[in-house]
Structures are given as structure tokens and as C-alpha cells.
Amino acid sequence: MARNRFEQVSEIQPDAITLVLRRDNAGASGSIVLPAAASGGRLSSDQVSAHLPAQDAFRGAIRLANDMKLAIVVCDPDGVWKPEWGDLYQAID
């Protein structure tokens, strides 16, 4: 079975759900950003989740992307991504 692939980005994208991963003294965490522009008119403002444990944020982003029929991109400046979640790649412009 093919592994899931996720694009790594350096900033929040206006047309996709962005999973933002961070590492701090408390450990690895993540938040989910759903831009209003990507919601097809369903939202009037951007929605940002609370900080969650990284794996919970990843799972939440997957559920939201499936519900909203949107792509997920990943902003991971601290290298939190786990290989078992899928392949993380950077698009070449």
C-alpha cells in the first residue's frame, strides 16, 4: 500500500489545512489552521485550534481534511514530524 505524502511548507497556506508542528520545553505539539479562504464560503474567519499533543493534532488535521475535502500541508520548523505518519516532501518551484 502506498504511503500518504504531505507537502512541507514554511508558512500557512490559504488554500489548504496547515498542520503547524512545534517543539518546546513541554515537548512536541501542534495546531491546525483552517483558512476561511479554503472553506468554500462556510467560514467568515480563519480557524486555529488550540495547541494539542503532536499526534493528536496530526489525527485532527486528517479528520478535518476528510470532512472539508481539503489538502493538508505541514509547517514543521522544529522537525517534529514522525515517519510513521507518512512521507514529508518539499515541492520544488
N, C-alpha and C. Protein backbone atom coordinates (compact mmCIF):
# COMPACT_ATOMS: atom_id res chain seq x y z
N MET A 1 0.84 -1.18 0.00
CA MET A 1 0.00 0.00 0.00
C MET A 1 0.89 1.24 0.00
N ALA A 2 0.52 2.24 -0.78
CA ALA A 2 1.28 3.48 -0.86
C ALA A 2 1.14 4.28 0.43
N ARG A 3 2.23 4.92 0.81
CA ARG A 3 2.21 5.76 2.00
C ARG A 3 1.62 7.12 1.66
N ASN A 4 0.99 7.73 2.64
CA ASN A 4 0.49 9.09 2.45
C ASN A 4 1.66 10.04 2.32
N ARG A 5 1.48 11.07 1.48
CA ARG A 5 2.51 12.10 1.27
C ARG A 5 1.94 13.44 1.65
N PHE A 6 2.75 14.24 2.34
CA PHE A 6 2.33 15.56 2.78
C PHE A 6 3.41 16.57 2.39
N GLU A 7 2.96 17.70 1.85
CA GLU A 7 3.91 18.74 1.47
C GLU A 7 4.33 19.55 2.67
N GLN A 8 5.63 19.78 2.81
CA GLN A 8 6.15 20.63 3.88
C GLN A 8 6.24 22.05 3.35
N VAL A 9 5.72 23.00 4.12
CA VAL A 9 5.71 24.41 3.74
C VAL A 9 6.35 25.24 4.84
N SER A 10 6.70 26.47 4.52
CA SER A 10 7.34 27.34 5.52
C SER A 10 6.36 28.31 6.16
N GLU A 11 5.14 28.37 5.62
CA GLU A 11 4.13 29.28 6.19
C GLU A 11 2.73 28.73 5.92
N ILE A 12 1.78 29.28 6.63
CA ILE A 12 0.39 28.85 6.47
C ILE A 12 -0.07 29.12 5.04
N GLN A 13 -0.76 28.16 4.46
CA GLN A 13 -1.23 28.26 3.08
C GLN A 13 -2.71 28.63 3.06
N PRO A 14 -3.13 29.53 2.15
CA PRO A 14 -4.52 29.99 2.12
C PRO A 14 -5.50 29.00 1.51
N ASP A 15 -4.99 27.96 0.84
CA ASP A 15 -5.89 27.04 0.13
C ASP A 15 -5.87 25.62 0.68
N ALA A 16 -5.33 25.43 1.89
CA ALA A 16 -5.22 24.09 2.47
C ALA A 16 -5.24 24.18 3.99
N ILE A 17 -5.50 23.06 4.62
CA ILE A 17 -5.36 22.97 6.06
C ILE A 17 -3.88 22.88 6.36
N THR A 18 -3.40 23.71 7.27
CA THR A 18 -1.99 23.68 7.63
C THR A 18 -1.84 23.10 9.04
N LEU A 19 -1.08 22.02 9.13
CA LEU A 19 -0.72 21.44 10.41
C LEU A 19 0.59 22.09 10.83
N VAL A 20 0.57 22.84 11.92
CA VAL A 20 1.76 23.55 12.40
C VAL A 20 2.30 22.77 13.60
N LEU A 21 3.50 22.23 13.44
CA LEU A 21 4.13 21.43 14.49
C LEU A 21 5.24 22.24 15.15
N ARG A 22 5.37 22.10 16.48
CA ARG A 22 6.39 22.82 17.25
C ARG A 22 6.96 21.91 18.33
N ARG A 23 8.15 22.25 18.75
CA ARG A 23 8.78 21.57 19.88
C ARG A 23 9.22 22.66 20.87
N ASP A 24 8.87 22.46 22.15
CA ASP A 24 9.31 23.39 23.19
C ASP A 24 9.66 22.59 24.44
N ASN A 25 9.83 23.26 25.55
CA ASN A 25 10.22 22.57 26.79
C ASN A 25 9.20 21.53 27.23
N ALA A 26 7.93 21.72 26.86
CA ALA A 26 6.88 20.78 27.23
C ALA A 26 6.81 19.58 26.29
N GLY A 27 7.53 19.62 25.18
CA GLY A 27 7.52 18.52 24.21
C GLY A 27 7.00 18.96 22.86
N ALA A 28 6.55 18.00 22.06
CA ALA A 28 6.06 18.26 20.71
C ALA A 28 4.57 18.54 20.74
N SER A 29 4.17 19.61 20.04
CA SER A 29 2.75 19.95 19.97
C SER A 29 2.42 20.39 18.56
N GLY A 30 1.14 20.57 18.32
CA GLY A 30 0.70 21.01 17.01
C GLY A 30 -0.61 21.77 17.10
N SER A 31 -0.86 22.55 16.08
CA SER A 31 -2.15 23.21 15.95
C SER A 31 -2.58 23.09 14.49
N ILE A 32 -3.86 23.28 14.28
CA ILE A 32 -4.45 23.12 12.95
C ILE A 32 -5.02 24.45 12.52
N VAL A 33 -4.67 24.89 11.32
CA VAL A 33 -5.16 26.16 10.79
C VAL A 33 -6.03 25.88 9.57
N LEU A 34 -7.27 26.35 9.64
CA LEU A 34 -8.20 26.25 8.51
C LEU A 34 -8.52 27.67 8.05
N PRO A 35 -7.92 28.12 6.94
CA PRO A 35 -8.18 29.46 6.45
C PRO A 35 -9.62 29.59 5.92
N ALA A 36 -10.24 30.71 6.20
CA ALA A 36 -11.59 30.96 5.69
C ALA A 36 -11.61 30.86 4.17
N ALA A 37 -10.53 31.29 3.52
CA ALA A 37 -10.46 31.27 2.06
C ALA A 37 -10.57 29.85 1.50
N ALA A 38 -10.18 28.85 2.28
CA ALA A 38 -10.22 27.46 1.82
C ALA A 38 -11.54 26.78 2.13
N SER A 39 -12.43 27.46 2.84
CA SER A 39 -13.65 26.81 3.33
C SER A 39 -14.81 26.84 2.34
N GLY A 40 -14.61 27.43 1.19
CA GLY A 40 -15.69 27.49 0.22
C GLY A 40 -16.87 28.32 0.70
N GLY A 41 -16.58 29.36 1.47
CA GLY A 41 -17.63 30.25 1.96
C GLY A 41 -18.30 29.80 3.24
N ARG A 42 -17.88 28.67 3.79
CA ARG A 42 -18.51 28.16 5.02
C ARG A 42 -18.04 28.89 6.27
N LEU A 43 -16.86 29.52 6.21
CA LEU A 43 -16.31 30.25 7.35
C LEU A 43 -16.08 31.71 6.98
N SER A 44 -16.29 32.59 7.95
CA SER A 44 -16.05 34.01 7.69
C SER A 44 -14.68 34.46 8.22
N SER A 45 -14.04 33.64 9.05
CA SER A 45 -12.71 33.96 9.54
C SER A 45 -11.88 32.68 9.68
N ASP A 46 -10.58 32.86 9.69
CA ASP A 46 -9.68 31.71 9.83
C ASP A 46 -9.93 31.04 11.18
N GLN A 47 -9.81 29.73 11.21
CA GLN A 47 -9.99 28.96 12.44
C GLN A 47 -8.64 28.32 12.81
N VAL A 48 -8.25 28.47 14.08
CA VAL A 48 -7.00 27.90 14.57
C VAL A 48 -7.31 27.11 15.82
N SER A 49 -6.87 25.85 15.85
CA SER A 49 -7.13 25.01 17.02
C SER A 49 -6.23 25.41 18.18
N ALA A 50 -6.57 24.90 19.34
CA ALA A 50 -5.68 25.01 20.50
C ALA A 50 -4.46 24.14 20.23
N HIS A 51 -3.39 24.37 21.01
CA HIS A 51 -2.22 23.50 20.90
C HIS A 51 -2.56 22.14 21.49
N LEU A 52 -2.23 21.11 20.75
CA LEU A 52 -2.51 19.73 21.13
C LEU A 52 -1.21 18.94 21.09
N PRO A 53 -1.16 17.78 21.74
CA PRO A 53 -0.01 16.90 21.51
C PRO A 53 0.12 16.66 19.99
N ALA A 54 1.34 16.56 19.51
CA ALA A 54 1.59 16.49 18.06
C ALA A 54 0.77 15.41 17.37
N GLN A 55 0.72 14.22 17.93
CA GLN A 55 -0.01 13.13 17.28
C GLN A 55 -1.51 13.43 17.24
N ASP A 56 -2.05 14.02 18.28
CA ASP A 56 -3.47 14.39 18.30
C ASP A 56 -3.77 15.46 17.25
N ALA A 57 -2.85 16.42 17.10
CA ALA A 57 -3.03 17.46 16.08
C ALA A 57 -2.99 16.84 14.69
N PHE A 58 -2.08 15.90 14.46
CA PHE A 58 -2.00 15.22 13.18
C PHE A 58 -3.31 14.49 12.87
N ARG A 59 -3.80 13.72 13.83
CA ARG A 59 -5.05 12.99 13.63
C ARG A 59 -6.23 13.94 13.41
N GLY A 60 -6.27 15.03 14.14
CA GLY A 60 -7.33 16.01 13.97
C GLY A 60 -7.30 16.66 12.60
N ALA A 61 -6.08 16.94 12.11
CA ALA A 61 -5.95 17.53 10.78
C ALA A 61 -6.46 16.57 9.71
N ILE A 62 -6.17 15.29 9.87
CA ILE A 62 -6.65 14.28 8.92
C ILE A 62 -8.18 14.24 8.92
N ARG A 63 -8.78 14.20 10.10
CA ARG A 63 -10.25 14.17 10.18
C ARG A 63 -10.86 15.41 9.55
N LEU A 64 -10.30 16.58 9.86
CA LEU A 64 -10.83 17.83 9.31
C LEU A 64 -10.67 17.86 7.80
N ALA A 65 -9.52 17.44 7.29
CA ALA A 65 -9.29 17.44 5.85
C ALA A 65 -10.28 16.51 5.14
N ASN A 66 -10.55 15.37 5.73
CA ASN A 66 -11.53 14.45 5.14
C ASN A 66 -12.93 15.06 5.16
N ASP A 67 -13.31 15.69 6.26
CA ASP A 67 -14.63 16.32 6.37
C ASP A 67 -14.79 17.49 5.41
N MET A 68 -13.75 18.30 5.29
CA MET A 68 -13.82 19.51 4.46
C MET A 68 -13.40 19.26 3.01
N LYS A 69 -12.88 18.06 2.72
CA LYS A 69 -12.40 17.72 1.38
C LYS A 69 -11.29 18.70 0.93
N LEU A 70 -10.31 18.88 1.83
CA LEU A 70 -9.19 19.78 1.57
C LEU A 70 -7.87 19.05 1.73
N ALA A 71 -6.85 19.59 1.11
CA ALA A 71 -5.49 19.06 1.27
C ALA A 71 -4.91 19.52 2.61
N ILE A 72 -3.92 18.77 3.08
CA ILE A 72 -3.17 19.13 4.28
C ILE A 72 -1.74 19.44 3.86
N VAL A 73 -1.20 20.53 4.40
CA VAL A 73 0.22 20.83 4.29
C VAL A 73 0.77 20.91 5.71
N VAL A 74 2.09 20.77 5.83
CA VAL A 74 2.72 20.70 7.15
C VAL A 74 3.80 21.76 7.27
N CYS A 75 3.71 22.56 8.33
CA CYS A 75 4.75 23.52 8.68
C CYS A 75 5.45 22.95 9.91
N ASP A 76 6.70 22.54 9.75
CA ASP A 76 7.40 21.81 10.81
C ASP A 76 8.83 22.33 10.98
N PRO A 77 8.99 23.56 11.47
CA PRO A 77 10.33 24.14 11.57
C PRO A 77 11.23 23.44 12.60
N ASP A 78 10.64 22.70 13.54
CA ASP A 78 11.43 22.08 14.60
C ASP A 78 11.67 20.58 14.40
N GLY A 79 11.24 20.03 13.27
CA GLY A 79 11.49 18.62 12.97
C GLY A 79 10.73 17.65 13.85
N VAL A 80 9.46 17.93 14.08
CA VAL A 80 8.61 17.09 14.93
C VAL A 80 8.04 15.91 14.15
N TRP A 81 7.89 16.02 12.85
CA TRP A 81 7.23 15.01 12.01
C TRP A 81 7.78 13.62 12.28
N LYS A 82 6.87 12.64 12.38
CA LYS A 82 7.26 11.24 12.59
C LYS A 82 7.08 10.47 11.28
N PRO A 83 8.08 9.72 10.85
CA PRO A 83 8.00 8.98 9.58
C PRO A 83 6.80 8.04 9.48
N GLU A 84 6.32 7.52 10.60
CA GLU A 84 5.18 6.61 10.53
C GLU A 84 3.88 7.32 10.13
N TRP A 85 3.87 8.66 10.15
CA TRP A 85 2.69 9.41 9.72
C TRP A 85 2.60 9.48 8.20
N GLY A 86 3.72 9.24 7.51
CA GLY A 86 3.75 9.32 6.05
C GLY A 86 5.02 10.01 5.59
N ASP A 87 5.09 10.28 4.31
CA ASP A 87 6.27 10.93 3.73
C ASP A 87 6.05 12.42 3.67
N LEU A 88 7.04 13.16 4.14
CA LEU A 88 7.02 14.62 4.10
C LEU A 88 7.97 15.06 2.99
N TYR A 89 7.49 15.89 2.09
CA TYR A 89 8.33 16.33 0.97
C TYR A 89 8.19 17.84 0.79
N GLN A 90 9.16 18.44 0.13
CA GLN A 90 9.11 19.86 -0.21
C GLN A 90 9.00 19.99 -1.71
N ALA A 91 8.01 20.77 -2.14
CA ALA A 91 7.83 20.99 -3.57
C ALA A 91 8.97 21.88 -4.09
N ILE A 92 9.39 21.61 -5.29
CA ILE A 92 10.43 22.41 -5.92
C ILE A 92 9.75 23.37 -6.87
N ASP A 93 10.01 24.66 -6.66
CA ASP A 93 9.39 25.69 -7.51
C ASP A 93 10.05 25.79 -8.84
